[in-house]
Protein backbone atom coordinates (compact mmCIF):
# COMPACT_ATOMS: atom_id res chain seq x y z
CA MET A 1 63.18 73.49 -2.44
CA SER A 2 67.01 73.39 -2.45
CA SER A 3 69.15 73.28 0.70
CA ILE A 4 72.52 74.38 1.86
CA ALA A 5 74.35 72.31 4.53
CA GLY A 6 71.18 70.33 5.02
CA GLN A 7 69.07 73.37 5.79
CA PRO A 8 66.09 74.25 3.57
CA ARG A 9 66.36 77.48 1.62
CA PRO A 10 63.19 79.59 1.97
CA ILE A 11 61.47 80.57 -1.22
CA ARG A 12 61.19 84.36 -1.23
CA PRO A 13 58.31 85.94 -3.17
CA ARG A 14 59.37 87.94 -6.20
CA PRO A 15 58.88 91.70 -5.85
CA ALA A 16 56.57 91.91 -8.86
CA ARG A 17 54.39 89.03 -7.54
CA LEU A 18 54.31 90.57 -4.08
CA LEU A 19 53.36 94.02 -5.49
CA ALA A 20 50.60 92.45 -7.58
CA SER A 21 49.25 90.63 -4.48
CA LEU A 22 49.24 93.88 -2.42
CA ARG A 23 47.57 95.75 -5.26
CA GLY A 24 44.88 93.09 -5.46
CA LEU A 25 44.27 93.35 -1.76
CA VAL A 26 43.96 97.15 -1.92
CA ASP A 27 41.61 96.99 -4.95
CA SER A 28 39.38 94.51 -3.12
CA MET A 29 38.99 96.98 -0.26
CA LEU A 30 39.12 100.18 -2.31
CA PRO A 31 38.00 99.42 -5.83
CA PRO A 32 39.58 101.67 -8.53
CA ARG A 33 37.34 104.56 -9.56
CA CYS A 34 37.12 106.84 -12.55
CA LEU A 35 39.18 109.99 -12.14
CA HIS A 36 36.23 112.11 -13.27
CA CYS A 37 32.95 110.61 -12.11
CA GLN A 38 34.11 108.11 -9.42
CA ALA A 39 32.42 105.19 -11.16
CA MET A 40 34.21 101.85 -10.65
CA VAL A 41 36.74 101.04 -13.33
CA GLU A 42 39.02 98.14 -14.15
CA GLY A 43 42.31 99.72 -13.28
CA ASP A 44 43.60 102.38 -10.98
CA GLY A 45 43.87 105.88 -12.48
CA ALA A 46 41.57 105.29 -15.44
CA LEU A 47 38.67 107.09 -17.05
CA CYS A 48 35.43 105.21 -17.50
CA PRO A 49 34.02 104.74 -21.08
CA ASP A 50 31.46 107.55 -20.48
CA CYS A 51 34.03 110.06 -19.36
CA TRP A 52 36.87 109.26 -21.77
CA PRO A 53 35.24 111.29 -24.67
CA LEU A 54 34.93 114.31 -22.38
CA PHE A 55 38.72 114.76 -22.33
CA ASP A 56 40.64 116.01 -25.41
CA PHE A 57 43.98 114.25 -25.38
CA LEU A 58 46.61 115.91 -27.62
CA ALA A 59 48.18 114.05 -30.51
CA PRO A 60 49.94 114.95 -33.74
CA PRO A 61 49.90 117.08 -35.82
CA LEU A 62 51.43 119.57 -33.45
CA CYS A 63 53.81 122.53 -33.65
CA ASP A 64 57.25 121.00 -33.35
CA CYS A 65 58.24 123.78 -30.90
CA CYS A 66 55.36 124.64 -28.56
CA GLY A 67 53.07 121.64 -29.20
CA PHE A 68 50.07 123.70 -30.37
CA PRO A 69 47.66 121.34 -32.18
CA PHE A 70 47.20 121.90 -35.90
CA GLU A 71 43.80 121.44 -37.49
CA TYR A 72 45.33 119.61 -40.43
CA ASP A 73 48.55 117.74 -41.10
CA PRO A 74 51.09 120.22 -42.55
CA GLY A 75 53.23 117.49 -44.06
CA PRO A 76 56.10 115.11 -43.25
CA HIS A 77 58.57 117.76 -42.15
CA ASP A 78 58.74 119.37 -38.72
CA THR A 79 56.54 122.45 -38.73
CA VAL A 80 56.55 125.49 -36.37
CA CYS A 81 53.46 127.54 -35.74
CA GLY A 82 53.31 131.24 -36.58
CA ALA A 83 53.50 132.31 -32.94
CA CYS A 84 56.76 130.49 -32.37
CA LEU A 85 58.18 131.94 -35.62
CA ALA A 86 57.25 135.44 -34.53
CA TYR A 87 58.21 135.06 -30.85
CA PRO A 88 60.75 132.14 -30.54
CA PRO A 89 60.47 130.80 -26.96
CA HIS A 90 63.40 130.24 -24.63
CA PHE A 91 62.50 126.55 -24.40
CA ASP A 92 63.22 124.08 -27.15
CA ARG A 93 60.09 121.93 -27.20
CA ALA A 94 56.84 121.82 -25.26
CA ARG A 95 54.25 119.03 -25.08
CA SER A 96 51.11 118.50 -23.03
CA VAL A 97 48.88 115.55 -22.23
CA LEU A 98 45.43 117.16 -22.88
CA VAL A 99 43.60 120.30 -23.67
CA TYR A 100 42.71 122.58 -20.71
CA GLY A 101 38.93 122.45 -21.09
CA GLU A 102 35.83 122.34 -18.97
CA ASN A 103 36.34 118.86 -17.57
CA SER A 104 40.12 118.79 -17.41
CA ARG A 105 40.03 122.21 -15.66
CA LYS A 106 38.04 120.75 -12.81
CA LEU A 107 40.31 117.73 -12.51
CA ILE A 108 43.42 119.90 -12.41
CA LEU A 109 42.00 122.60 -10.08
CA ASP A 110 40.89 119.96 -7.61
CA PHE A 111 44.39 118.44 -7.77
CA LYS A 112 46.02 121.81 -7.47
CA HIS A 113 43.91 123.59 -4.88
CA GLY A 114 41.60 120.99 -3.42
CA ASP A 115 44.05 118.48 -1.80
CA ARG A 116 42.76 115.87 -4.27
CA THR A 117 46.19 114.35 -4.98
CA TRP A 118 45.20 110.74 -5.28
CA PRO A 119 45.22 110.81 -9.15
CA THR A 120 48.97 111.77 -9.09
CA PRO A 121 50.17 108.28 -10.16
CA ALA A 122 47.78 108.31 -13.09
CA PHE A 123 48.96 111.78 -14.13
CA GLY A 124 52.51 110.51 -13.98
CA ARG A 125 51.66 107.70 -16.46
CA TRP A 126 49.95 110.21 -18.74
CA LEU A 127 53.01 112.50 -18.69
CA ALA A 128 55.29 109.54 -19.41
CA ARG A 129 53.34 108.63 -22.52
CA ALA A 130 52.86 112.19 -23.82
CA GLY A 131 56.49 113.19 -23.25
CA SER A 132 58.21 109.88 -24.17
CA ASP A 133 60.51 111.46 -26.82
CA MET A 134 61.56 114.32 -24.57
CA ILE A 135 61.98 112.09 -21.55
CA GLY A 136 64.31 109.82 -23.58
CA ASP A 137 66.49 112.81 -24.46
CA ALA A 138 66.53 114.37 -20.98
CA ASP A 139 69.25 114.10 -18.32
CA LEU A 140 67.12 115.54 -15.51
CA ALA A 141 63.57 116.61 -14.72
CA VAL A 142 62.84 119.83 -12.75
CA PRO A 143 59.40 121.08 -11.58
CA VAL A 144 58.41 124.74 -11.85
CA PRO A 145 58.73 126.01 -8.26
CA LEU A 146 56.26 127.84 -6.08
CA HIS A 147 57.19 130.88 -3.97
CA ARG A 148 57.53 129.86 -0.35
CA SER A 149 54.45 131.90 0.69
CA ARG A 150 52.26 130.05 -1.81
CA LEU A 151 53.84 126.74 -0.90
CA TYR A 152 53.10 127.41 2.80
CA ALA A 153 49.46 128.17 2.00
CA ARG A 154 48.97 125.19 -0.38
CA ARG A 155 51.26 122.74 1.51
CA TYR A 156 52.51 121.06 -1.67
CA ASN A 157 53.78 122.01 -5.11
CA GLN A 158 51.61 120.26 -7.69
CA ALA A 159 54.42 120.48 -10.29
CA SER A 160 56.72 118.56 -7.94
CA LEU A 161 54.14 115.88 -7.41
CA LEU A 162 53.78 115.47 -11.19
CA ALA A 163 57.50 115.42 -11.79
CA LEU A 164 58.13 112.80 -9.11
CA ALA A 165 55.29 110.63 -10.38
CA MET A 166 56.63 110.82 -13.90
CA GLY A 167 60.09 110.00 -12.69
CA ARG A 168 58.83 106.89 -10.93
CA GLU A 169 57.23 105.76 -14.14
CA THR A 170 60.23 106.39 -16.35
CA GLY A 171 63.33 106.21 -14.14
CA LEU A 172 64.30 109.76 -15.06
CA ASP A 173 66.13 111.62 -12.29
CA VAL A 174 64.04 114.40 -10.73
CA GLU A 175 65.46 117.33 -8.75
CA PRO A 176 62.57 119.23 -6.99
CA GLU A 177 64.81 121.75 -5.32
CA LEU A 178 66.93 122.92 -8.25
CA LEU A 179 64.92 126.05 -9.12
CA THR A 180 63.50 128.54 -6.65
CA ARG A 181 60.89 131.25 -7.16
CA HIS A 182 62.52 133.95 -5.04
CA ARG A 183 59.94 136.69 -5.90
CA PRO A 184 56.19 136.23 -5.35
CA THR A 185 54.22 136.92 -8.53
CA PRO A 186 50.53 137.90 -8.74
CA SER A 187 48.08 135.39 -10.23
CA GLN A 188 48.28 135.46 -14.01
CA GLY A 189 44.70 134.20 -14.72
CA HIS A 190 43.55 137.25 -16.73
CA MET A 191 46.89 138.61 -17.97
CA SER A 192 47.88 138.91 -21.60
CA ARG A 193 50.97 137.12 -22.95
CA LEU A 194 53.11 140.27 -22.64
CA ALA A 195 51.83 140.98 -19.15
CA ARG A 196 52.62 137.43 -18.08
CA GLN A 197 56.20 137.78 -19.41
CA ARG A 198 56.66 140.97 -17.43
CA ASN A 199 55.12 139.34 -14.36
CA VAL A 200 57.58 136.42 -14.22
CA ARG A 201 60.68 138.25 -15.47
CA GLY A 202 63.52 137.54 -13.12
CA ALA A 203 61.32 135.55 -10.67
CA PHE A 204 63.35 132.37 -10.81
CA ARG A 205 66.87 131.45 -9.69
CA LEU A 206 69.10 128.41 -9.74
CA ARG A 207 69.63 127.22 -6.16
CA HIS A 208 73.25 127.48 -5.04
CA GLY A 209 75.08 124.18 -5.31
CA PHE A 210 73.12 122.81 -8.25
CA GLU A 211 75.23 124.42 -11.00
CA ASP A 212 76.85 121.04 -12.05
CA ARG A 213 73.41 119.47 -12.33
CA VAL A 214 72.53 121.93 -15.08
CA HIS A 215 75.64 122.75 -17.02
CA GLY A 216 75.76 120.83 -20.30
CA ASN A 217 72.62 118.78 -19.53
CA ARG A 218 69.20 118.54 -21.18
CA ILE A 219 66.54 119.63 -18.69
CA LEU A 220 62.86 118.59 -18.77
CA LEU A 221 60.72 121.19 -17.00
CA ILE A 222 57.43 119.94 -15.49
CA ASP A 223 54.31 121.95 -14.71
CA ASP A 224 50.57 121.48 -14.48
CA VAL A 225 49.25 123.91 -17.16
CA PHE A 226 50.81 125.63 -20.14
CA THR A 227 48.91 128.84 -20.93
CA THR A 228 51.04 131.27 -22.90
CA GLY A 229 54.40 129.74 -22.06
CA ALA A 230 55.62 132.82 -20.12
CA THR A 231 56.46 130.88 -16.93
CA ALA A 232 57.99 127.96 -18.73
CA GLY A 233 59.95 130.35 -20.92
CA GLU A 234 61.34 132.28 -17.95
CA CYS A 235 62.40 129.06 -16.18
CA ALA A 236 64.05 127.94 -19.44
CA ARG A 237 65.84 131.27 -19.75
CA THR A 238 67.15 130.84 -16.22
CA LEU A 239 68.33 127.28 -16.86
CA LYS A 240 70.02 128.17 -20.11
CA LYS A 241 71.76 131.11 -18.48
CA ALA A 242 73.14 128.53 -16.05
CA GLY A 243 74.48 126.45 -18.93
CA ALA A 244 71.71 123.96 -19.77
CA ALA A 245 72.26 122.42 -23.23
CA ALA A 246 68.46 122.37 -23.87
CA VAL A 247 65.22 122.81 -22.01
CA ASP A 248 62.02 120.99 -22.92
CA VAL A 249 58.63 121.51 -21.19
CA LEU A 250 56.06 118.89 -20.33
CA THR A 251 52.68 119.76 -18.76
CA LEU A 252 49.56 117.94 -17.79
CA ALA A 253 47.35 120.32 -19.86
CA ARG A 254 47.57 123.32 -22.13
CA VAL A 255 45.26 126.09 -23.04
CA VAL A 256 44.31 125.98 -26.69
CA ARG A 257 42.89 129.27 -27.98
CA PRO A 258 42.37 130.21 -31.63
CA ARG A 259 45.54 131.88 -32.81
CA GLY A 260 45.10 135.60 -32.82
CA GLU A 261 43.33 135.80 -29.47
């Protein structure tokens, strides 16, 4: 222990050491549990060995534009799926963590509608890994907004929680208030792609005072589920109209239907 003017200098604990100590204390009282079955696991925000195979995490080969998974590797060059060739989206790239299937659907719906938000830090880590290339290129992350009536009923915007958790993992700046959904839109659960596009057309606006945050920057749009890309596409159109240099999309899950449905 060193001293100044004869007085001992206290040894202050390092932040990382203090954080590890606090985490150990919390884990001793509330052991980490599997996100799916609640069995005890080694680390916070993990899936147990029995549940891991139940989730279909997305990995290459993917459409270079929308992230749709290919059944076989199309080759060393960037490849775009037929849907993106036929209907080029307003966004530049889209990626997702996992397929929206039976088990992931329950996990996400509980998070979205059931106040089960404790897995948010784990989801942030998943997003950070799945979107690492896009995060590295981005200047700013923006969540897809909820209309105020839906936000009032739900009390939180799940996309904002995801964006903020990803931002804490990566250091990317997040602006939850940049976009607004000024017009309420009906649920899109059973709508076709074209019906979804009509449903969200003109539903989003850039909040006044945020123009400089968008102009000339690469924006990373965050949402929970990518279905047809209609919502993400309309947000991207709004951002590009405001001068965004590029808009990429990162979601926790995506619907994967056989092309042609």
